[in-house]
Amino acid sequence: MAAELPSSVLFCCDHNAIRSPMAEGLMKKLYGQAAYVQSAG
């Protein structure tokens, strides 16, 4: 059984300015509008 996609995801990174935006971009590319995705840090 496949796990359900969460309705929202927040990626946080406090030392590397590229990790959380990269994760956000990848998730948006893979799942589109299926989940609300944001990054911080």
PDB file of N, CA and C in Angstrom:
ATOM      1  N   MET A   1       0.843  -1.181   0.000  1.00  0.00           N
ATOM      2  CA  MET A   1       0.000   0.000   0.000  1.00  0.00           C
ATOM      3  C   MET A   1       0.889   1.247   0.000  1.00  0.00           C
ATOM      4  N   ALA A   2       0.620   2.179  -0.878  1.00  0.00           N
ATOM      5  CA  ALA A   2       1.400   3.413  -0.969  1.00  0.00           C
ATOM      6  C   ALA A   2       0.982   4.397   0.119  1.00  0.00           C
ATOM      7  N   ALA A   3       1.961   5.111   0.647  1.00  0.00           N
ATOM      8  CA  ALA A   3       1.678   6.128   1.660  1.00  0.00           C
ATOM      9  C   ALA A   3       1.046   7.345   0.993  1.00  0.00           C
ATOM     10  N   GLU A   4       0.170   8.019   1.712  1.00  0.00           N
ATOM     11  CA  GLU A   4      -0.469   9.225   1.187  1.00  0.00           C
ATOM     12  C   GLU A   4       0.498  10.401   1.241  1.00  0.00           C
ATOM     13  N   LEU A   5       0.389  11.288   0.278  1.00  0.00           N
ATOM     14  CA  LEU A   5       1.201  12.491   0.224  1.00  0.00           C
ATOM     15  C   LEU A   5       0.676  13.484   1.264  1.00  0.00           C
ATOM     16  N   PRO A   6       1.567  14.122   2.047  1.00  0.00           N
ATOM     17  CA  PRO A   6       1.093  15.118   3.016  1.00  0.00           C
ATOM     18  C   PRO A   6       0.508  16.331   2.297  1.00  0.00           C
ATOM     19  N   SER A   7      -0.376  17.066   2.978  1.00  0.00           N
ATOM     20  CA  SER A   7      -0.998  18.238   2.351  1.00  0.00           C
ATOM     21  C   SER A   7      -0.044  19.424   2.279  1.00  0.00           C
ATOM     22  N   SER A   8       0.945  19.466   3.175  1.00  0.00           N
ATOM     23  CA  SER A   8       1.944  20.535   3.129  1.00  0.00           C
ATOM     24  C   SER A   8       3.280  20.030   3.667  1.00  0.00           C
ATOM     25  N   VAL A   9       4.370  20.641   3.160  1.00  0.00           N
ATOM     26  CA  VAL A   9       5.728  20.254   3.549  1.00  0.00           C
ATOM     27  C   VAL A   9       6.553  21.524   3.699  1.00  0.00           C
ATOM     28  N   LEU A  10       7.355  21.600   4.767  1.00  0.00           N
ATOM     29  CA  LEU A  10       8.276  22.713   4.976  1.00  0.00           C
ATOM     30  C   LEU A  10       9.677  22.149   5.106  1.00  0.00           C
ATOM     31  N   PHE A  11      10.584  22.586   4.235  1.00  0.00           N
ATOM     32  CA  PHE A  11      11.989  22.211   4.315  1.00  0.00           C
ATOM     33  C   PHE A  11      12.735  23.358   4.987  1.00  0.00           C
ATOM     34  N   CYS A  12      13.496  23.060   6.045  1.00  0.00           N
ATOM     35  CA  CYS A  12      14.259  24.074   6.774  1.00  0.00           C
ATOM     36  C   CYS A  12      15.731  23.695   6.818  1.00  0.00           C
ATOM     37  N   CYS A  13      16.598  24.678   6.603  1.00  0.00           N
ATOM     38  CA  CYS A  13      18.033  24.460   6.668  1.00  0.00           C
ATOM     39  C   CYS A  13      18.660  25.745   7.191  1.00  0.00           C
ATOM     40  N   ASP A  14      19.419  25.665   8.270  1.00  0.00           N
ATOM     41  CA  ASP A  14      19.952  26.890   8.858  1.00  0.00           C
ATOM     42  C   ASP A  14      21.405  27.192   8.498  1.00  0.00           C
ATOM     43  N   HIS A  15      22.135  26.266   7.883  1.00  0.00           N
ATOM     44  CA  HIS A  15      23.539  26.526   7.567  1.00  0.00           C
ATOM     45  C   HIS A  15      23.848  26.569   6.080  1.00  0.00           C
ATOM     46  N   ASN A  16      23.005  26.022   5.251  1.00  0.00           N
ATOM     47  CA  ASN A  16      23.293  25.969   3.824  1.00  0.00           C
ATOM     48  C   ASN A  16      22.124  26.576   3.063  1.00  0.00           C
ATOM     49  N   ALA A  17      22.379  27.670   2.377  1.00  0.00           N
ATOM     50  CA  ALA A  17      21.305  28.422   1.723  1.00  0.00           C
ATOM     51  C   ALA A  17      20.727  27.725   0.500  1.00  0.00           C
ATOM     52  N   ILE A  18      21.302  26.629   0.059  1.00  0.00           N
ATOM     53  CA  ILE A  18      20.815  25.995  -1.164  1.00  0.00           C
ATOM     54  C   ILE A  18      20.030  24.704  -0.917  1.00  0.00           C
ATOM     55  N   ARG A  19      20.218  24.065   0.207  1.00  0.00           N
ATOM     56  CA  ARG A  19      19.574  22.757   0.428  1.00  0.00           C
ATOM     57  C   ARG A  19      18.055  22.828   0.473  1.00  0.00           C
ATOM     58  N   SER A  20      17.512  23.707   1.300  1.00  0.00           N
ATOM     59  CA  SER A  20      16.050  23.756   1.421  1.00  0.00           C
ATOM     60  C   SER A  20      15.376  24.263   0.144  1.00  0.00           C
ATOM     61  N   PRO A  21      15.906  25.291  -0.548  1.00  0.00           N
ATOM     62  CA  PRO A  21      15.283  25.676  -1.819  1.00  0.00           C
ATOM     63  C   PRO A  21      15.388  24.577  -2.880  1.00  0.00           C
ATOM     64  N   MET A  22      16.488  23.830  -2.869  1.00  0.00           N
ATOM     65  CA  MET A  22      16.644  22.732  -3.825  1.00  0.00           C
ATOM     66  C   MET A  22      15.621  21.637  -3.542  1.00  0.00           C
ATOM     67  N   ALA A  23      15.442  21.285  -2.275  1.00  0.00           N
ATOM     68  CA  ALA A  23      14.449  20.272  -1.905  1.00  0.00           C
ATOM     69  C   ALA A  23      13.043  20.742  -2.275  1.00  0.00           C
ATOM     70  N   GLU A  24      12.763  22.015  -2.037  1.00  0.00           N
ATOM     71  CA  GLU A  24      11.459  22.581  -2.403  1.00  0.00           C
ATOM     72  C   GLU A  24      11.233  22.472  -3.912  1.00  0.00           C
ATOM     73  N   GLY A  25      12.232  22.865  -4.685  1.00  0.00           N
ATOM     74  CA  GLY A  25      12.115  22.808  -6.139  1.00  0.00           C
ATOM     75  C   GLY A  25      11.909  21.401  -6.663  1.00  0.00           C
ATOM     76  N   LEU A  26      12.648  20.444  -6.107  1.00  0.00           N
ATOM     77  CA  LEU A  26      12.502  19.050  -6.536  1.00  0.00           C
ATOM     78  C   LEU A  26      11.117  18.507  -6.212  1.00  0.00           C
ATOM     79  N   MET A  27      10.638  18.805  -5.011  1.00  0.00           N
ATOM     80  CA  MET A  27       9.323  18.295  -4.637  1.00  0.00           C
ATOM     81  C   MET A  27       8.225  18.931  -5.488  1.00  0.00           C
ATOM     82  N   LYS A  28       8.343  20.231  -5.758  1.00  0.00           N
ATOM     83  CA  LYS A  28       7.352  20.892  -6.614  1.00  0.00           C
ATOM     84  C   LYS A  28       7.373  20.309  -8.023  1.00  0.00           C
ATOM     85  N   LYS A  29       8.573  19.990  -8.525  1.00  0.00           N
ATOM     86  CA  LYS A  29       8.683  19.405  -9.862  1.00  0.00           C
ATOM     87  C   LYS A  29       8.069  18.007  -9.893  1.00  0.00           C
ATOM     88  N   LEU A  30       8.296  17.221  -8.844  1.00  0.00           N
ATOM     89  CA  LEU A  30       7.786  15.850  -8.799  1.00  0.00           C
ATOM     90  C   LEU A  30       6.287  15.777  -8.530  1.00  0.00           C
ATOM     91  N   TYR A  31       5.768  16.634  -7.635  1.00  0.00           N
ATOM     92  CA  TYR A  31       4.383  16.513  -7.188  1.00  0.00           C
ATOM     93  C   TYR A  31       3.484  17.667  -7.620  1.00  0.00           C
ATOM     94  N   GLY A  32       4.037  18.714  -8.197  1.00  0.00           N
ATOM     95  CA  GLY A  32       3.231  19.826  -8.691  1.00  0.00           C
ATOM     96  C   GLY A  32       2.337  20.431  -7.628  1.00  0.00           C
ATOM     97  N   GLN A  33       1.063  20.547  -7.926  1.00  0.00           N
ATOM     98  CA  GLN A  33       0.092  21.164  -7.022  1.00  0.00           C
ATOM     99  C   GLN A  33      -0.518  20.177  -6.030  1.00  0.00           C
ATOM    100  N   ALA A  34      -0.029  18.939  -5.996  1.00  0.00           N
ATOM    101  CA  ALA A  34      -0.595  17.924  -5.103  1.00  0.00           C
ATOM    102  C   ALA A  34      -0.320  18.225  -3.632  1.00  0.00           C
ATOM    103  N   ALA A  35       0.731  19.010  -3.341  1.00  0.00           N
ATOM    104  CA  ALA A  35       1.068  19.363  -1.963  1.00  0.00           C
ATOM    105  C   ALA A  35       1.573  20.799  -1.938  1.00  0.00           C
ATOM    106  N   TYR A  36       1.300  21.507  -0.843  1.00  0.00           N
ATOM    107  CA  TYR A  36       1.820  22.858  -0.645  1.00  0.00           C
ATOM    108  C   TYR A  36       3.238  22.723  -0.106  1.00  0.00           C
ATOM    109  N   VAL A  37       4.221  23.275  -0.814  1.00  0.00           N
ATOM    110  CA  VAL A  37       5.629  23.109  -0.447  1.00  0.00           C
ATOM    111  C   VAL A  37       6.268  24.476  -0.267  1.00  0.00           C
ATOM    112  N   GLN A  38       7.006  24.671   0.832  1.00  0.00           N
ATOM    113  CA  GLN A  38       7.738  25.891   1.125  1.00  0.00           C
ATOM    114  C   GLN A  38       9.106  25.523   1.677  1.00  0.00           C
ATOM    115  N   SER A  39      10.035  26.481   1.609  1.00  0.00           N
ATOM    116  CA  SER A  39      11.342  26.292   2.234  1.00  0.00           C
ATOM    117  C   SER A  39      11.676  27.516   3.070  1.00  0.00           C
ATOM    118  N   ALA A  40      12.542  27.326   4.054  1.00  0.00           N
ATOM    119  CA  ALA A  40      12.970  28.406   4.932  1.00  0.00           C
ATOM    120  C   ALA A  40      14.404  28.139   5.367  1.00  0.00           C
ATOM    121  N   GLY A  41      15.098  29.219   5.666  1.00  0.00           N
ATOM    122  CA  GLY A  41      16.454  29.053   6.174  1.00  0.00           C
ATOM    123  C   GLY A  41      17.511  29.462   5.203  1.00  0.00           C
TER     124      GLY A  41
END
